[in-house]
Amino acid sequence: MTQKIFGITGWKNSGKTTLAECVVRELTKRGYKISTIKHAHHSFDIDTVGTDSYRHRQAGAAEVAIVSFNRWALMHELRDAQEPALEEIVSRMAPCDLILVEGYKNDKHPKIEVRRKDSPTQIPLNAEQYSIVAIATDEGLRDQSVPVLDLNNIAAVSDFVENYCGLKN
């Protein structure tokens, strides 16, 4: 089964995470199984110093799985390897109705660009270059090459994603 992928992108502090969270909540409420992938441009750690899993990673384990009665996580240490492509991460995920991707601006999957009138970076992303299929904004944009959605109307943004991706419940 080929996973359906749709993205939310934009410049730093434009509201990507907030929109992603709201769309996931709305689509989940509509009965869809949604998974997410978040791209980080910085180092991060989901483990804390001193835990057993942290100690396993520090000892040199390539992958560490943590499993409990309510969740599991798999951490993969890249060491000196290259960051994996989005497609590789998608291939490791369980089947779902939609994978919502935050970031990955340069990848070719369809995306909504988040723009805020008070955002520190006002440079619009090139719709064609970045595979932008809509803009979600809090300002009245006109004459755009793609549909403009009200950033504060989560139902309408979710309707767009649902229709664009051909989700059927």
Protein backbone atom coordinates (compact mmCIF):
# COMPACT_ATOMS: atom_id res chain seq x y z
CA MET A 1 0.00 0.00 0.00
CA THR A 2 1.32 3.43 -0.91
CA GLN A 3 0.98 5.87 1.96
CA LYS A 4 -0.78 9.17 1.30
CA ILE A 5 1.51 12.04 2.27
CA PHE A 6 0.63 15.70 2.70
CA GLY A 7 2.79 18.45 4.13
CA ILE A 8 2.66 21.64 6.11
CA THR A 9 5.61 23.93 5.53
CA GLY A 10 6.71 27.52 5.95
CA TRP A 11 9.41 29.58 7.54
CA LYS A 12 10.47 29.26 11.17
CA ASN A 13 7.86 30.50 13.68
CA SER A 14 5.13 30.73 11.03
CA GLY A 15 2.79 28.40 12.92
CA LYS A 16 3.48 25.08 11.19
CA THR A 17 3.30 23.00 14.36
CA THR A 18 0.11 24.66 15.58
CA LEU A 19 -1.60 24.09 12.23
CA ALA A 20 -0.35 20.48 12.05
CA GLU A 21 -1.65 19.80 15.57
CA CYS A 22 -5.05 21.28 14.73
CA VAL A 23 -5.38 19.40 11.43
CA VAL A 24 -4.38 16.10 13.08
CA ARG A 25 -6.96 16.69 15.83
CA GLU A 26 -9.70 17.54 13.29
CA LEU A 27 -8.98 14.67 10.89
CA THR A 28 -8.72 12.21 13.79
CA LYS A 29 -12.09 13.47 15.07
CA ARG A 30 -13.47 12.71 11.60
CA GLY A 31 -12.37 9.09 12.02
CA TYR A 32 -9.10 9.02 10.08
CA LYS A 33 -5.94 7.34 11.27
CA ILE A 34 -3.25 10.02 10.97
CA SER A 35 0.49 9.68 11.50
CA THR A 36 3.00 12.51 11.46
CA ILE A 37 6.62 13.13 10.58
CA LYS A 38 8.34 16.24 11.93
CA HIS A 39 11.63 17.39 10.45
CA ALA A 40 13.97 19.12 12.87
CA HIS A 41 16.87 21.29 11.74
CA HIS A 42 18.62 20.89 15.05
CA SER A 43 19.88 18.10 17.23
CA PHE A 44 17.23 16.64 19.51
CA ASP A 45 16.95 13.91 22.08
CA ILE A 46 13.79 12.11 23.14
CA ASP A 47 15.65 10.27 25.85
CA THR A 48 16.98 11.56 29.14
CA VAL A 49 20.38 11.18 30.72
CA GLY A 50 20.58 8.24 33.09
CA THR A 51 17.71 6.15 31.73
CA ASP A 52 18.47 2.60 30.68
CA SER A 53 17.73 3.32 27.03
CA TYR A 54 19.97 6.40 27.10
CA ARG A 55 22.76 4.26 28.54
CA HIS A 56 22.24 1.67 25.78
CA ARG A 57 22.60 4.37 23.10
CA GLN A 58 25.64 5.88 24.77
CA ALA A 59 27.21 2.42 24.88
CA GLY A 60 26.97 2.32 21.07
CA ALA A 61 23.69 0.57 20.21
CA ALA A 62 22.59 1.42 16.67
CA GLU A 63 18.90 1.14 17.55
CA VAL A 64 17.12 1.07 20.88
CA ALA A 65 13.46 0.17 21.25
CA ILE A 66 11.56 1.17 24.36
CA VAL A 67 8.33 -0.72 24.90
CA SER A 68 5.64 -0.35 27.55
CA PHE A 69 1.98 -1.20 27.92
CA ASN A 70 0.83 2.08 26.29
CA ARG A 71 3.47 3.01 23.68
CA TRP A 72 6.72 2.04 22.06
CA ALA A 73 9.48 4.04 20.44
CA LEU A 74 12.41 3.11 18.26
CA MET A 75 15.43 5.37 18.33
CA HIS A 76 17.98 4.99 15.56
CA GLU A 77 21.39 6.57 16.02
CA LEU A 78 22.84 7.89 12.77
CA ARG A 79 26.36 8.13 14.20
CA ASP A 80 28.21 9.28 11.07
CA ALA A 81 25.57 8.19 8.56
CA GLN A 82 23.52 10.64 6.48
CA GLU A 83 20.06 11.75 7.51
CA PRO A 84 17.55 9.39 5.87
CA ALA A 85 15.32 10.63 3.07
CA LEU A 86 11.65 11.20 3.80
CA GLU A 87 10.73 8.14 1.71
CA GLU A 88 12.84 5.90 3.95
CA ILE A 89 11.09 7.18 7.08
CA VAL A 90 7.68 6.75 5.42
CA SER A 91 8.56 3.16 4.49
CA ARG A 92 9.11 2.35 8.18
CA MET A 93 5.73 3.65 9.30
CA ALA A 94 2.61 1.56 9.87
CA PRO A 95 -0.23 1.91 7.35
CA CYS A 96 -2.62 4.79 8.01
CA ASP A 97 -5.03 7.04 6.15
CA LEU A 98 -2.57 9.93 5.91
CA ILE A 99 0.95 10.87 6.95
CA LEU A 100 1.06 14.58 7.72
CA VAL A 101 4.59 15.90 7.26
CA GLU A 102 5.82 19.06 8.96
CA GLY A 103 8.84 20.61 7.30
CA TYR A 104 10.68 18.86 4.47
CA LYS A 105 10.24 22.02 2.44
CA ASN A 106 12.34 20.76 -0.49
CA ASP A 107 10.64 17.38 -0.92
CA LYS A 108 8.11 16.99 -3.72
CA HIS A 109 4.99 15.91 -1.79
CA PRO A 110 2.05 18.38 -1.85
CA LYS A 111 2.10 20.99 0.91
CA ILE A 112 0.23 23.86 2.48
CA GLU A 113 2.42 26.89 3.13
CA VAL A 114 1.72 28.66 6.43
CA ARG A 115 2.06 32.44 6.27
CA ARG A 116 1.34 34.90 9.07
CA LYS A 117 1.10 38.64 8.62
CA ASP A 118 3.26 39.16 11.74
CA SER A 119 5.80 36.45 10.86
CA PRO A 120 9.45 37.57 11.02
CA THR A 121 10.12 36.07 7.55
CA GLN A 122 7.76 37.49 4.95
CA ILE A 123 9.34 35.93 1.85
CA PRO A 124 6.70 33.68 0.23
CA LEU A 125 7.79 30.22 -0.82
CA ASN A 126 7.71 29.59 -4.56
CA ALA A 127 4.64 27.39 -5.07
CA GLU A 128 6.11 25.43 -7.97
CA GLN A 129 9.58 24.96 -6.48
CA TYR A 130 8.28 23.78 -3.11
CA SER A 131 5.19 21.82 -4.27
CA ILE A 132 2.83 24.26 -2.55
CA VAL A 133 -0.80 23.45 -3.37
CA ALA A 134 -2.42 25.97 -0.98
CA ILE A 135 -1.56 28.79 1.40
CA ALA A 136 -3.00 28.99 4.92
CA THR A 137 -2.77 32.55 6.18
CA ASP A 138 -4.25 35.11 8.53
CA GLU A 139 -4.04 37.89 5.95
CA GLY A 140 -6.14 38.60 2.88
CA LEU A 141 -3.94 37.45 0.02
CA ARG A 142 -5.13 37.97 -3.53
CA ASP A 143 -3.93 36.85 -6.95
CA GLN A 144 -2.14 33.71 -5.76
CA SER A 145 -1.43 30.77 -8.05
CA VAL A 146 -2.89 28.36 -5.44
CA PRO A 147 -5.96 28.44 -3.17
CA VAL A 148 -5.74 30.67 -0.10
CA LEU A 149 -7.20 29.23 3.10
CA ASP A 150 -8.09 30.97 6.36
CA LEU A 151 -5.43 29.82 8.82
CA ASN A 152 -7.92 30.20 11.67
CA ASN A 153 -10.60 28.04 10.03
CA ILE A 154 -9.27 24.58 10.88
CA ALA A 155 -12.37 22.82 9.52
CA ALA A 156 -11.84 24.46 6.10
CA VAL A 157 -8.10 23.67 6.07
CA SER A 158 -8.89 20.07 7.06
CA ASP A 159 -11.59 19.91 4.34
CA PHE A 160 -8.96 20.97 1.82
CA VAL A 161 -6.49 18.29 2.99
CA GLU A 162 -9.24 15.66 3.07
CA ASN A 163 -10.41 16.50 -0.47
CA TYR A 164 -6.95 16.99 -1.95
CA CYS A 165 -5.75 13.63 -0.59
CA GLY A 166 -8.95 11.83 -1.60
CA LEU A 167 -9.61 10.60 1.92
CA LYS A 168 -12.85 8.72 2.22
CA ASN A 169 -14.40 7.64 5.48
